[in-house]
N, C-alpha and C. Protein backbone atom coordinates (compact mmCIF):
# COMPACT_ATOMS: atom_id res chain seq x y z
N UNK A 1 -18.78 -7.74 4.28
CA UNK A 1 -19.20 -6.22 4.31
C UNK A 1 -18.41 -5.08 4.28
N UNK A 2 -18.34 -4.24 3.65
CA UNK A 2 -17.31 -2.87 3.45
C UNK A 2 -17.18 -2.83 5.24
N UNK A 3 -15.80 -1.86 5.29
CA UNK A 3 -15.73 -1.15 6.82
C UNK A 3 -16.94 -0.30 7.16
N UNK A 4 -17.09 -0.16 8.35
CA UNK A 4 -18.02 0.66 8.64
C UNK A 4 -18.05 1.88 7.94
N UNK A 5 -17.03 2.66 7.90
CA UNK A 5 -16.97 3.84 7.42
C UNK A 5 -17.16 4.00 5.93
N UNK A 6 -16.66 3.12 5.10
CA UNK A 6 -17.08 3.07 4.11
C UNK A 6 -18.56 2.57 3.56
N UNK A 7 -19.29 1.78 4.53
CA UNK A 7 -20.68 1.83 4.41
C UNK A 7 -21.21 2.72 4.40
N UNK A 8 -21.05 3.66 5.62
CA UNK A 8 -21.80 4.86 5.94
C UNK A 8 -21.36 6.06 4.78
N UNK A 9 -20.52 6.05 4.24
CA UNK A 9 -19.80 7.03 3.30
C UNK A 9 -20.59 6.77 2.20
N UNK A 10 -20.81 5.44 1.43
CA UNK A 10 -21.71 5.00 0.30
C UNK A 10 -23.00 5.50 0.37
N UNK A 11 -23.73 5.13 1.85
CA UNK A 11 -24.85 5.72 2.14
C UNK A 11 -25.06 7.31 1.94
N UNK A 12 -24.21 7.86 2.85
CA UNK A 12 -24.40 9.31 2.98
C UNK A 12 -24.26 10.00 1.74
N UNK A 13 -23.08 9.56 0.70
CA UNK A 13 -23.16 10.28 -0.50
C UNK A 13 -23.74 9.69 -1.60
N UNK A 14 -24.42 8.64 -1.44
CA UNK A 14 -25.36 8.09 -2.66
C UNK A 14 -24.36 7.58 -3.57
N UNK A 15 -23.20 6.98 -3.06
CA UNK A 15 -22.28 6.36 -4.16
C UNK A 15 -22.75 5.38 -4.87
N UNK A 16 -23.08 5.51 -6.40
CA UNK A 16 -24.03 4.35 -6.99
C UNK A 16 -23.20 3.09 -7.26
N UNK A 17 -22.76 2.41 -6.26
CA UNK A 17 -22.33 1.21 -6.02
C UNK A 17 -22.98 0.26 -4.80
N UNK A 18 -23.15 -0.95 -4.91
CA UNK A 18 -23.74 -1.70 -3.84
C UNK A 18 -22.69 -1.90 -2.65
N UNK A 19 -23.01 -1.78 -1.46
CA UNK A 19 -22.03 -1.90 -0.77
C UNK A 19 -21.75 -3.43 -0.24
N UNK A 20 -20.84 -4.10 -1.02
CA UNK A 20 -20.92 -5.48 -1.00
C UNK A 20 -19.33 -5.72 -0.72
N UNK A 21 -19.21 -7.02 0.12
CA UNK A 21 -17.67 -7.31 0.18
C UNK A 21 -16.90 -7.18 -1.07
N UNK A 22 -15.88 -6.26 -0.98
CA UNK A 22 -14.87 -6.85 -2.12
C UNK A 22 -15.36 -5.53 -3.39
N UNK A 23 -16.36 -4.90 -2.87
CA UNK A 23 -16.90 -3.59 -3.94
C UNK A 23 -16.49 -2.18 -3.46
N UNK A 24 -16.40 -2.11 -2.14
CA UNK A 24 -16.01 -0.83 -1.67
C UNK A 24 -14.71 -0.97 -0.65
N UNK A 25 -13.97 -0.10 -0.65
CA UNK A 25 -12.70 0.17 -0.03
C UNK A 25 -12.46 1.40 0.51
N UNK A 26 -12.17 1.83 1.86
CA UNK A 26 -11.80 3.12 2.30
C UNK A 26 -10.36 3.23 2.99
N UNK A 27 -10.04 4.39 2.71
CA UNK A 27 -8.98 4.57 3.43
C UNK A 27 -8.82 6.17 3.83
N UNK A 28 -8.62 6.65 4.88
CA UNK A 28 -8.72 8.00 5.13
C UNK A 28 -7.88 8.78 4.53
N UNK A 29 -6.67 8.43 3.93
CA UNK A 29 -5.49 9.19 3.57
C UNK A 29 -5.48 8.96 2.06
N UNK A 30 -6.23 7.79 1.36
CA UNK A 30 -6.44 7.73 -0.01
C UNK A 30 -5.22 6.91 -0.67
N UNK A 31 -4.27 6.74 0.04
CA UNK A 31 -3.08 6.00 -0.52
C UNK A 31 -3.02 4.79 -0.45
N UNK A 32 -3.61 3.94 0.23
CA UNK A 32 -3.66 2.50 0.16
C UNK A 32 -4.70 1.85 0.59
N UNK A 33 -5.01 0.64 -0.31
CA UNK A 33 -6.40 -0.07 -0.13
C UNK A 33 -6.32 -1.50 -0.36
N UNK A 34 -7.13 -2.35 0.53
CA UNK A 34 -7.18 -3.84 0.03
C UNK A 34 -7.93 -3.70 -1.29
N UNK A 35 -7.58 -4.74 -2.10
CA UNK A 35 -8.07 -4.99 -3.61
C UNK A 35 -9.41 -5.04 -3.76
N UNK A 36 -9.97 -4.56 -4.89
CA UNK A 36 -11.43 -4.55 -5.23
C UNK A 36 -11.19 -5.83 -5.93
N UNK A 37 -12.72 -6.62 -5.42
CA UNK A 37 -12.92 -7.92 -5.94
C UNK A 37 -14.20 -7.94 -6.81
N UNK A 38 -15.13 -7.03 -6.80
CA UNK A 38 -16.31 -6.84 -7.06
C UNK A 38 -16.42 -5.45 -8.18
N UNK A 39 -17.31 -5.62 -8.98
CA UNK A 39 -17.48 -4.44 -9.74
C UNK A 39 -18.97 -4.25 -10.33
N UNK A 40 -19.33 -3.01 -10.45
CA UNK A 40 -18.53 -1.59 -10.08
C UNK A 40 -18.13 -1.40 -8.82
N UNK A 41 -16.86 -0.94 -8.74
CA UNK A 41 -16.28 -0.79 -7.14
C UNK A 41 -15.88 0.55 -7.14
N UNK A 42 -15.28 0.85 -5.61
CA UNK A 42 -15.20 2.19 -5.37
C UNK A 42 -14.00 2.52 -4.42
N UNK A 43 -13.43 3.33 -4.72
CA UNK A 43 -12.37 3.82 -3.60
C UNK A 43 -12.70 4.74 -2.79
N UNK A 44 -12.71 5.06 -1.57
CA UNK A 44 -13.18 5.98 -0.80
C UNK A 44 -12.32 6.77 0.20
N UNK A 45 -11.99 7.98 0.14
CA UNK A 45 -11.30 8.50 1.15
C UNK A 45 -12.15 9.37 1.97
N UNK A 46 -11.79 10.15 3.05
CA UNK A 46 -12.57 11.20 3.78
C UNK A 46 -13.18 12.34 2.97
N UNK A 47 -12.44 12.63 1.81
CA UNK A 47 -12.89 13.33 1.17
C UNK A 47 -13.65 13.53 -0.17
N UNK A 48 -13.89 12.18 -0.35
CA UNK A 48 -14.70 11.74 -2.11
C UNK A 48 -14.16 10.41 -2.50
N UNK A 49 -14.31 9.90 -3.51
CA UNK A 49 -14.38 8.66 -4.18
C UNK A 49 -14.33 8.61 -5.66
N UNK A 50 -13.81 7.28 -6.10
CA UNK A 50 -13.64 7.44 -7.36
C UNK A 50 -14.00 6.04 -7.77
N UNK A 51 -15.21 5.78 -8.60
CA UNK A 51 -15.86 4.21 -8.85
C UNK A 51 -15.25 3.88 -10.48
N UNK A 52 -14.93 2.46 -10.12
CA UNK A 52 -14.56 1.87 -11.47
C UNK A 52 -15.38 0.81 -11.74
N UNK A 53 -16.22 1.06 -13.05
CA UNK A 53 -17.20 0.40 -13.72
C UNK A 53 -17.05 -1.16 -13.85
N UNK A 54 -15.66 -1.20 -14.29
CA UNK A 54 -15.23 -2.53 -14.70
C UNK A 54 -13.83 -3.09 -13.80
N UNK A 55 -13.67 -4.19 -14.00
CA UNK A 55 -12.33 -4.65 -13.60
C UNK A 55 -11.46 -4.25 -14.84
N UNK A 56 -11.59 -4.22 -15.88
CA UNK A 56 -10.76 -3.65 -16.81
C UNK A 56 -10.25 -2.67 -16.72
N UNK A 57 -11.41 -1.80 -16.46
CA UNK A 57 -10.98 -0.02 -16.48
C UNK A 57 -10.07 0.22 -15.13
N UNK A 58 -10.28 -0.81 -14.11
CA UNK A 58 -9.53 -0.61 -12.68
C UNK A 58 -8.29 -0.65 -12.85
N UNK A 59 -7.74 -2.28 -13.85
CA UNK A 59 -6.68 -2.64 -13.89
C UNK A 59 -5.74 -1.87 -14.99
N UNK A 60 -6.68 -1.05 -15.47
CA UNK A 60 -5.91 0.12 -16.80
C UNK A 60 -5.33 1.26 -16.02
N UNK A 61 -6.02 1.77 -14.80
CA UNK A 61 -5.84 2.92 -14.27
C UNK A 61 -4.43 3.33 -14.07
N UNK A 62 -3.58 4.14 -14.50
CA UNK A 62 -2.16 4.28 -14.72
C UNK A 62 -1.93 4.98 -12.96
N UNK A 63 -2.95 5.37 -12.36
CA UNK A 63 -2.51 6.13 -11.15
C UNK A 63 -2.63 5.04 -10.16
N UNK A 64 -3.08 3.65 -10.21
CA UNK A 64 -3.04 2.60 -9.31
C UNK A 64 -1.91 1.96 -9.50
N UNK A 65 -1.21 1.39 -8.40
CA UNK A 65 -0.04 0.38 -8.32
C UNK A 65 -0.87 -0.95 -7.63
N UNK A 66 -1.20 -2.02 -8.39
CA UNK A 66 -1.68 -3.26 -7.66
C UNK A 66 -0.74 -4.25 -7.56
N UNK A 67 -0.60 -4.54 -6.32
CA UNK A 67 0.30 -5.62 -5.85
C UNK A 67 0.18 -7.09 -6.12
N UNK A 68 0.98 -7.73 -5.99
CA UNK A 68 0.98 -9.23 -6.30
C UNK A 68 -0.17 -9.99 -5.61
N UNK A 69 -0.40 -9.21 -4.16
CA UNK A 69 -1.67 -9.89 -3.44
C UNK A 69 -2.73 -9.26 -3.52
N UNK A 70 -3.07 -8.09 -4.53
CA UNK A 70 -4.02 -7.38 -4.74
C UNK A 70 -4.26 -6.00 -4.02
N UNK A 71 -3.41 -5.79 -3.08
CA UNK A 71 -3.43 -4.64 -2.34
C UNK A 71 -3.07 -3.31 -3.60
N UNK A 72 -3.59 -2.07 -3.10
CA UNK A 72 -3.31 -0.96 -4.05
C UNK A 72 -2.97 -0.05 -3.56
N UNK A 73 -1.90 0.63 -4.21
CA UNK A 73 -1.02 1.44 -3.76
C UNK A 73 -1.43 2.95 -4.79
N UNK A 74 -1.73 3.97 -3.99
CA UNK A 74 -1.87 5.21 -4.87
C UNK A 74 -1.15 6.20 -4.50
N UNK A 75 0.09 6.44 -5.23
CA UNK A 75 1.06 7.54 -4.74
C UNK A 75 0.53 8.60 -4.28
N UNK A 76 -0.27 9.50 -5.10
CA UNK A 76 -0.67 11.06 -4.68
C UNK A 76 -1.88 10.83 -4.05
N UNK A 77 -2.55 9.63 -3.92
CA UNK A 77 -3.89 9.53 -3.32
C UNK A 77 -5.10 9.46 -4.25
N UNK A 78 -6.01 8.77 -3.83
CA UNK A 78 -7.20 8.76 -4.95
C UNK A 78 -7.87 9.91 -5.68
N UNK A 79 -7.50 10.80 -4.84
CA UNK A 79 -8.00 12.40 -5.29
C UNK A 79 -7.16 12.83 -6.63
N UNK A 80 -6.02 12.12 -6.96
CA UNK A 80 -5.35 12.28 -7.97
C UNK A 80 -5.79 11.63 -9.29
N UNK A 81 -7.12 10.77 -9.06
CA UNK A 81 -7.40 10.12 -10.16
C UNK A 81 -8.45 10.86 -11.06
N UNK A 82 -8.52 10.90 -12.34
CA UNK A 82 -9.31 11.61 -12.98
C UNK A 82 -10.47 10.86 -12.80
N UNK A 83 -11.89 11.43 -12.75
CA UNK A 83 -13.10 10.81 -12.22
C UNK A 83 -13.43 10.99 -10.76
N UNK A 84 -12.29 11.18 -9.88
CA UNK A 84 -12.72 11.37 -8.67
C UNK A 84 -13.65 12.55 -8.35
N UNK A 85 -14.52 12.23 -7.22
CA UNK A 85 -15.84 12.93 -7.25
C UNK A 85 -15.38 13.63 -5.58
N UNK A 86 -14.88 14.90 -5.38
CA UNK A 86 -15.08 15.75 -4.45
C UNK A 86 -16.16 15.90 -3.50
N UNK A 87 -16.46 15.47 -2.32
CA UNK A 87 -17.43 15.73 -1.36
C UNK A 87 -17.14 16.99 -0.37
N UNK A 88 -18.45 17.66 -0.58
CA UNK A 88 -18.49 18.69 0.82
C UNK A 88 -18.35 17.77 2.01
N UNK A 89 -17.52 18.10 2.83
CA UNK A 89 -17.58 17.21 4.23
C UNK A 89 -17.88 18.07 5.37
N UNK A 90 -18.03 19.52 5.34
CA UNK A 90 -18.36 20.09 6.44
C UNK A 90 -19.73 20.50 6.60
N UNK A 91 -20.65 19.96 5.70
CA UNK A 91 -22.11 19.97 6.14
C UNK A 91 -22.48 18.47 6.38
N UNK A 92 -23.97 18.46 6.74
CA UNK A 92 -24.46 17.30 7.56
C UNK A 92 -24.80 16.28 6.41
N UNK A 93 -25.34 16.66 5.22
CA UNK A 93 -25.56 16.00 3.55
C UNK A 93 -24.39 16.53 2.72
N UNK A 94 -23.47 15.82 2.67
CA UNK A 94 -22.27 16.39 1.51
C UNK A 94 -23.25 16.31 0.05
N UNK A 95 -22.76 17.33 -0.61
CA UNK A 95 -23.05 17.73 -2.01
C UNK A 95 -21.94 17.31 -2.98
N UNK A 96 -22.20 16.75 -3.86
CA UNK A 96 -21.26 15.98 -4.90
C UNK A 96 -20.90 17.48 -5.80
N UNK A 97 -19.55 17.87 -6.01
CA UNK A 97 -19.22 18.64 -7.16
C UNK A 97 -19.03 17.74 -8.29
N UNK A 98 -19.05 18.11 -9.36
CA UNK A 98 -18.74 17.26 -10.63
C UNK A 98 -17.35 17.31 -10.96
N UNK A 99 -16.63 16.06 -11.45
CA UNK A 99 -15.17 16.22 -11.86
C UNK A 99 -15.23 16.92 -13.07
N UNK A 100 -14.06 17.43 -13.35
CA UNK A 100 -13.72 18.48 -14.60
C UNK A 100 -12.94 17.57 -15.50
N UNK A 101 -12.38 16.18 -15.19
CA UNK A 101 -11.33 15.75 -16.09
C UNK A 101 -12.06 14.26 -16.65
N UNK A 102 -11.31 13.73 -17.48
CA UNK A 102 -12.05 12.26 -17.83
C UNK A 102 -11.55 11.20 -16.89
N UNK A 103 -12.33 10.27 -16.70
CA UNK A 103 -12.60 9.39 -15.76
C UNK A 103 -11.35 8.21 -15.91
N UNK A 104 -10.66 7.56 -15.21
CA UNK A 104 -10.30 6.17 -15.58
C UNK A 104 -11.65 5.19 -15.38
N UNK A 105 -12.51 5.52 -14.85
CA UNK A 105 -13.89 4.58 -14.90
C UNK A 105 -14.41 4.64 -16.22
């Protein structure tokens, strides 16, 4: 099962992935994650998320640094990845703002 913050944000923000082990990863800073092992998968930070539809698209994303054990480094955070969906965090039910750039997903 994903971490509690990850599962809560998937439900709250209606992120289009199943909250299964290995499909959802959360990092408050958005700079480091455990590896994704199921797809579609999502990397979530405290302000939004990015969905990867397939493992191939995940591995091809140039903003990610995937280590030998599968851990993921994101130098400027997931918010720098094209396709990142920023969420309003100041209201009870966040509203999605559409991304303006082409996605890695």
